[in-house]
Structure formats: structure tokens, C-alpha cells
Amino acid sequence: MNWEIAIPVTVGSILGSFIGLKILPYIKGKWIQTLLPIIFFLLIVQVVSDLLF
């Protein structure tokens, strides 16, 4: 395990979840329905590009 990467990724995940839960009540449902597929698509593109290049 590469701890130099694992620890920051873990902290970022926890902070991102916390911030997301705090912001969620203020975001309209339509925005969430629009943003989630875009974010998922960008994450898939990132994973595929990392695998290919």
C-alpha cells in the first residue's frame, strides 16, 4: 500500500462527503439530476484514460 497516496485520498473522500452532505439541502433536485451523470461520465473517462495511457 502506498501510504503517500492512500492517506490524502482517504481524507479527501471524507471531506468531500461531509461537504456534499452539508450542501445537498441547498441544491435543487434538477441540478443534481443534471450534474450526477456528467460527473460519472468524467470519472469513467479519467479511469479509461489512465488505463490506456
PDB file of N, CA and C in Angstrom:
ATOM      1  N   MET A   1       0.847  -1.169   0.000  1.00  0.00           N
ATOM      2  CA  MET A   1       0.000   0.000   0.000  1.00  0.00           C
ATOM      3  C   MET A   1       0.894   1.235   0.000  1.00  0.00           C
ATOM      4  N   ASN A   2       0.544   2.174  -0.855  1.00  0.00           N
ATOM      5  CA  ASN A   2       1.280   3.425  -0.954  1.00  0.00           C
ATOM      6  C   ASN A   2       0.602   4.452  -0.042  1.00  0.00           C
ATOM      7  N   TRP A   3       1.155   4.628   1.153  1.00  0.00           N
ATOM      8  CA  TRP A   3       0.531   5.495   2.156  1.00  0.00           C
ATOM      9  C   TRP A   3       0.583   6.966   1.772  1.00  0.00           C
ATOM     10  N   GLU A   4       1.554   7.342   0.917  1.00  0.00           N
ATOM     11  CA  GLU A   4       1.639   8.745   0.485  1.00  0.00           C
ATOM     12  C   GLU A   4       0.439   9.130  -0.374  1.00  0.00           C
ATOM     13  N   ILE A   5      -0.191   8.153  -0.982  1.00  0.00           N
ATOM     14  CA  ILE A   5      -1.387   8.412  -1.789  1.00  0.00           C
ATOM     15  C   ILE A   5      -2.653   8.062  -1.015  1.00  0.00           C
ATOM     16  N   ALA A   6      -2.606   6.973  -0.253  1.00  0.00           N
ATOM     17  CA  ALA A   6      -3.808   6.469   0.420  1.00  0.00           C
ATOM     18  C   ALA A   6      -4.358   7.452   1.449  1.00  0.00           C
ATOM     19  N   ILE A   7      -3.492   8.063   2.223  1.00  0.00           N
ATOM     20  CA  ILE A   7      -3.965   8.970   3.278  1.00  0.00           C
ATOM     21  C   ILE A   7      -4.628  10.223   2.701  1.00  0.00           C
ATOM     22  N   PRO A   8      -3.999  10.933   1.739  1.00  0.00           N
ATOM     23  CA  PRO A   8      -4.694  12.101   1.175  1.00  0.00           C
ATOM     24  C   PRO A   8      -6.003  11.746   0.466  1.00  0.00           C
ATOM     25  N   VAL A   9      -6.035  10.593  -0.215  1.00  0.00           N
ATOM     26  CA  VAL A   9      -7.270  10.191  -0.894  1.00  0.00           C
ATOM     27  C   VAL A   9      -8.371   9.913   0.130  1.00  0.00           C
ATOM     28  N   THR A  10      -8.015   9.281   1.236  1.00  0.00           N
ATOM     29  CA  THR A  10      -8.990   9.000   2.289  1.00  0.00           C
ATOM     30  C   THR A  10      -9.518  10.289   2.909  1.00  0.00           C
ATOM     31  N   VAL A  11      -8.618  11.202   3.231  1.00  0.00           N
ATOM     32  CA  VAL A  11      -9.028  12.483   3.818  1.00  0.00           C
ATOM     33  C   VAL A  11      -9.905  13.262   2.836  1.00  0.00           C
ATOM     34  N   GLY A  12      -9.521  13.267   1.560  1.00  0.00           N
ATOM     35  CA  GLY A  12     -10.318  13.956   0.549  1.00  0.00           C
ATOM     36  C   GLY A  12     -11.703  13.354   0.392  1.00  0.00           C
ATOM     37  N   SER A  13     -11.782  12.040   0.464  1.00  0.00           N
ATOM     38  CA  SER A  13     -13.073  11.365   0.362  1.00  0.00           C
ATOM     39  C   SER A  13     -13.975  11.716   1.536  1.00  0.00           C
ATOM     40  N   ILE A  14     -13.418  11.707   2.727  1.00  0.00           N
ATOM     41  CA  ILE A  14     -14.206  12.037   3.920  1.00  0.00           C
ATOM     42  C   ILE A  14     -14.661  13.492   3.879  1.00  0.00           C
ATOM     43  N   LEU A  15     -13.748  14.402   3.550  1.00  0.00           N
ATOM     44  CA  LEU A  15     -14.115  15.819   3.484  1.00  0.00           C
ATOM     45  C   LEU A  15     -15.126  16.084   2.370  1.00  0.00           C
ATOM     46  N   GLY A  16     -14.945  15.433   1.214  1.00  0.00           N
ATOM     47  CA  GLY A  16     -15.883  15.606   0.111  1.00  0.00           C
ATOM     48  C   GLY A  16     -17.277  15.134   0.470  1.00  0.00           C
ATOM     49  N   SER A  17     -17.357  14.012   1.160  1.00  0.00           N
ATOM     50  CA  SER A  17     -18.659  13.501   1.600  1.00  0.00           C
ATOM     51  C   SER A  17     -19.306  14.451   2.600  1.00  0.00           C
ATOM     52  N   PHE A  18     -18.518  14.952   3.531  1.00  0.00           N
ATOM     53  CA  PHE A  18     -19.034  15.875   4.540  1.00  0.00           C
ATOM     54  C   PHE A  18     -19.558  17.155   3.889  1.00  0.00           C
ATOM     55  N   ILE A  19     -18.763  17.723   2.989  1.00  0.00           N
ATOM     56  CA  ILE A  19     -19.173  18.956   2.314  1.00  0.00           C
ATOM     57  C   ILE A  19     -20.408  18.705   1.454  1.00  0.00           C
ATOM     58  N   GLY A  20     -20.425  17.567   0.750  1.00  0.00           N
ATOM     59  CA  GLY A  20     -21.582  17.228  -0.075  1.00  0.00           C
ATOM     60  C   GLY A  20     -22.862  17.121   0.731  1.00  0.00           C
ATOM     61  N   LEU A  21     -22.773  16.494   1.902  1.00  0.00           N
ATOM     62  CA  LEU A  21     -23.962  16.361   2.746  1.00  0.00           C
ATOM     63  C   LEU A  21     -24.418  17.706   3.302  1.00  0.00           C
ATOM     64  N   LYS A  22     -23.486  18.616   3.551  1.00  0.00           N
ATOM     65  CA  LYS A  22     -23.861  19.943   4.047  1.00  0.00           C
ATOM     66  C   LYS A  22     -24.485  20.806   2.946  1.00  0.00           C
ATOM     67  N   ILE A  23     -24.025  20.640   1.713  1.00  0.00           N
ATOM     68  CA  ILE A  23     -24.511  21.456   0.599  1.00  0.00           C
ATOM     69  C   ILE A  23     -25.802  20.896   0.007  1.00  0.00           C
ATOM     70  N   LEU A  24     -26.001  19.593   0.091  1.00  0.00           N
ATOM     71  CA  LEU A  24     -27.126  18.916  -0.558  1.00  0.00           C
ATOM     72  C   LEU A  24     -28.493  19.546  -0.291  1.00  0.00           C
ATOM     73  N   PRO A  25     -28.817  19.946   0.944  1.00  0.00           N
ATOM     74  CA  PRO A  25     -30.158  20.526   1.166  1.00  0.00           C
ATOM     75  C   PRO A  25     -30.401  21.831   0.402  1.00  0.00           C
ATOM     76  N   TYR A  26     -29.348  22.503  -0.023  1.00  0.00           N
ATOM     77  CA  TYR A  26     -29.499  23.793  -0.692  1.00  0.00           C
ATOM     78  C   TYR A  26     -29.518  23.676  -2.215  1.00  0.00           C
ATOM     79  N   ILE A  27     -29.284  22.477  -2.748  1.00  0.00           N
ATOM     80  CA  ILE A  27     -29.240  22.279  -4.193  1.00  0.00           C
ATOM     81  C   ILE A  27     -30.581  21.718  -4.659  1.00  0.00           C
ATOM     82  N   LYS A  28     -31.098  22.275  -5.741  1.00  0.00           N
ATOM     83  CA  LYS A  28     -32.369  21.804  -6.281  1.00  0.00           C
ATOM     84  C   LYS A  28     -32.173  20.436  -6.939  1.00  0.00           C
ATOM     85  N   GLY A  29     -33.219  19.630  -6.908  1.00  0.00           N
ATOM     86  CA  GLY A  29     -33.171  18.285  -7.469  1.00  0.00           C
ATOM     87  C   GLY A  29     -32.808  18.258  -8.941  1.00  0.00           C
ATOM     88  N   LYS A  30     -33.244  19.258  -9.689  1.00  0.00           N
ATOM     89  CA  LYS A  30     -32.947  19.309 -11.127  1.00  0.00           C
ATOM     90  C   LYS A  30     -31.450  19.426 -11.365  1.00  0.00           C
ATOM     91  N   TRP A  31     -30.755  20.213 -10.549  1.00  0.00           N
ATOM     92  CA  TRP A  31     -29.301  20.356 -10.696  1.00  0.00           C
ATOM     93  C   TRP A  31     -28.593  19.042 -10.420  1.00  0.00           C
ATOM     94  N   ILE A  32     -29.061  18.332  -9.409  1.00  0.00           N
ATOM     95  CA  ILE A  32     -28.436  17.056  -9.056  1.00  0.00           C
ATOM     96  C   ILE A  32     -28.629  16.053 -10.184  1.00  0.00           C
ATOM     97  N   GLN A  33     -29.837  16.006 -10.758  1.00  0.00           N
ATOM     98  CA  GLN A  33     -30.104  15.088 -11.861  1.00  0.00           C
ATOM     99  C   GLN A  33     -29.258  15.427 -13.084  1.00  0.00           C
ATOM    100  N   THR A  34     -28.881  16.671 -13.242  1.00  0.00           N
ATOM    101  CA  THR A  34     -28.041  17.078 -14.365  1.00  0.00           C
ATOM    102  C   THR A  34     -26.569  16.817 -14.079  1.00  0.00           C
ATOM    103  N   LEU A  35     -26.130  17.110 -12.864  1.00  0.00           N
ATOM    104  CA  LEU A  35     -24.707  17.009 -12.544  1.00  0.00           C
ATOM    105  C   LEU A  35     -24.206  15.582 -12.354  1.00  0.00           C
ATOM    106  N   LEU A  36     -25.007  14.711 -11.764  1.00  0.00           N
ATOM    107  CA  LEU A  36     -24.540  13.354 -11.480  1.00  0.00           C
ATOM    108  C   LEU A  36     -24.107  12.590 -12.726  1.00  0.00           C
ATOM    109  N   PRO A  37     -24.893  12.550 -13.800  1.00  0.00           N
ATOM    110  CA  PRO A  37     -24.414  11.835 -14.992  1.00  0.00           C
ATOM    111  C   PRO A  37     -23.146  12.447 -15.586  1.00  0.00           C
ATOM    112  N   ILE A  38     -23.027  13.767 -15.519  1.00  0.00           N
ATOM    113  CA  ILE A  38     -21.825  14.428 -16.032  1.00  0.00           C
ATOM    114  C   ILE A  38     -20.610  14.028 -15.211  1.00  0.00           C
ATOM    115  N   ILE A  39     -20.738  14.027 -13.895  1.00  0.00           N
ATOM    116  CA  ILE A  39     -19.627  13.645 -13.019  1.00  0.00           C
ATOM    117  C   ILE A  39     -19.250  12.190 -13.237  1.00  0.00           C
ATOM    118  N   PHE A  40     -20.249  11.300 -13.324  1.00  0.00           N
ATOM    119  CA  PHE A  40     -19.960   9.883 -13.572  1.00  0.00           C
ATOM    120  C   PHE A  40     -19.244   9.697 -14.905  1.00  0.00           C
ATOM    121  N   PHE A  41     -19.690  10.402 -15.938  1.00  0.00           N
ATOM    122  CA  PHE A  41     -19.045  10.300 -17.246  1.00  0.00           C
ATOM    123  C   PHE A  41     -17.591  10.755 -17.178  1.00  0.00           C
ATOM    124  N   LEU A  42     -17.338  11.874 -16.512  1.00  0.00           N
ATOM    125  CA  LEU A  42     -15.965  12.371 -16.394  1.00  0.00           C
ATOM    126  C   LEU A  42     -15.083  11.408 -15.609  1.00  0.00           C
ATOM    127  N   LEU A  43     -15.624  10.788 -14.570  1.00  0.00           N
ATOM    128  CA  LEU A  43     -14.851   9.803 -13.813  1.00  0.00           C
ATOM    129  C   LEU A  43     -14.529   8.579 -14.666  1.00  0.00           C
ATOM    130  N   ILE A  44     -15.480   8.130 -15.470  1.00  0.00           N
ATOM    131  CA  ILE A  44     -15.234   6.996 -16.360  1.00  0.00           C
ATOM    132  C   ILE A  44     -14.169   7.347 -17.385  1.00  0.00           C
ATOM    133  N   VAL A  45     -14.235   8.538 -17.952  1.00  0.00           N
ATOM    134  CA  VAL A  45     -13.218   8.983 -18.914  1.00  0.00           C
ATOM    135  C   VAL A  45     -11.846   9.016 -18.253  1.00  0.00           C
ATOM    136  N   GLN A  46     -11.770   9.483 -17.027  1.00  0.00           N
ATOM    137  CA  GLN A  46     -10.495   9.540 -16.319  1.00  0.00           C
ATOM    138  C   GLN A  46      -9.926   8.143 -16.104  1.00  0.00           C
ATOM    139  N   VAL A  47     -10.748   7.200 -15.683  1.00  0.00           N
ATOM    140  CA  VAL A  47     -10.278   5.832 -15.444  1.00  0.00           C
ATOM    141  C   VAL A  47      -9.821   5.190 -16.749  1.00  0.00           C
ATOM    142  N   VAL A  48     -10.597   5.348 -17.805  1.00  0.00           N
ATOM    143  CA  VAL A  48     -10.231   4.754 -19.093  1.00  0.00           C
ATOM    144  C   VAL A  48      -8.944   5.374 -19.621  1.00  0.00           C
ATOM    145  N   SER A  49      -8.796   6.684 -19.498  1.00  0.00           N
ATOM    146  CA  SER A  49      -7.569   7.325 -19.983  1.00  0.00           C
ATOM    147  C   SER A  49      -6.358   6.892 -19.166  1.00  0.00           C
ATOM    148  N   ASP A  50      -6.531   6.667 -17.869  1.00  0.00           N
ATOM    149  CA  ASP A  50      -5.422   6.167 -17.048  1.00  0.00           C
ATOM    150  C   ASP A  50      -5.036   4.749 -17.451  1.00  0.00           C
ATOM    151  N   LEU A  51      -6.009   3.943 -17.821  1.00  0.00           N
ATOM    152  CA  LEU A  51      -5.720   2.568 -18.232  1.00  0.00           C
ATOM    153  C   LEU A  51      -5.044   2.508 -19.599  1.00  0.00           C
ATOM    154  N   LEU A  52      -5.422   3.413 -20.492  1.00  0.00           N
ATOM    155  CA  LEU A  52      -4.893   3.369 -21.856  1.00  0.00           C
ATOM    156  C   LEU A  52      -3.570   4.107 -22.024  1.00  0.00           C
ATOM    157  N   PHE A  53      -3.341   5.133 -21.233  1.00  0.00           N
ATOM    158  CA  PHE A  53      -2.138   5.952 -21.441  1.00  0.00           C
ATOM    159  C   PHE A  53      -1.210   5.845 -20.313  1.00  0.00           C
TER     160      PHE A  53
END
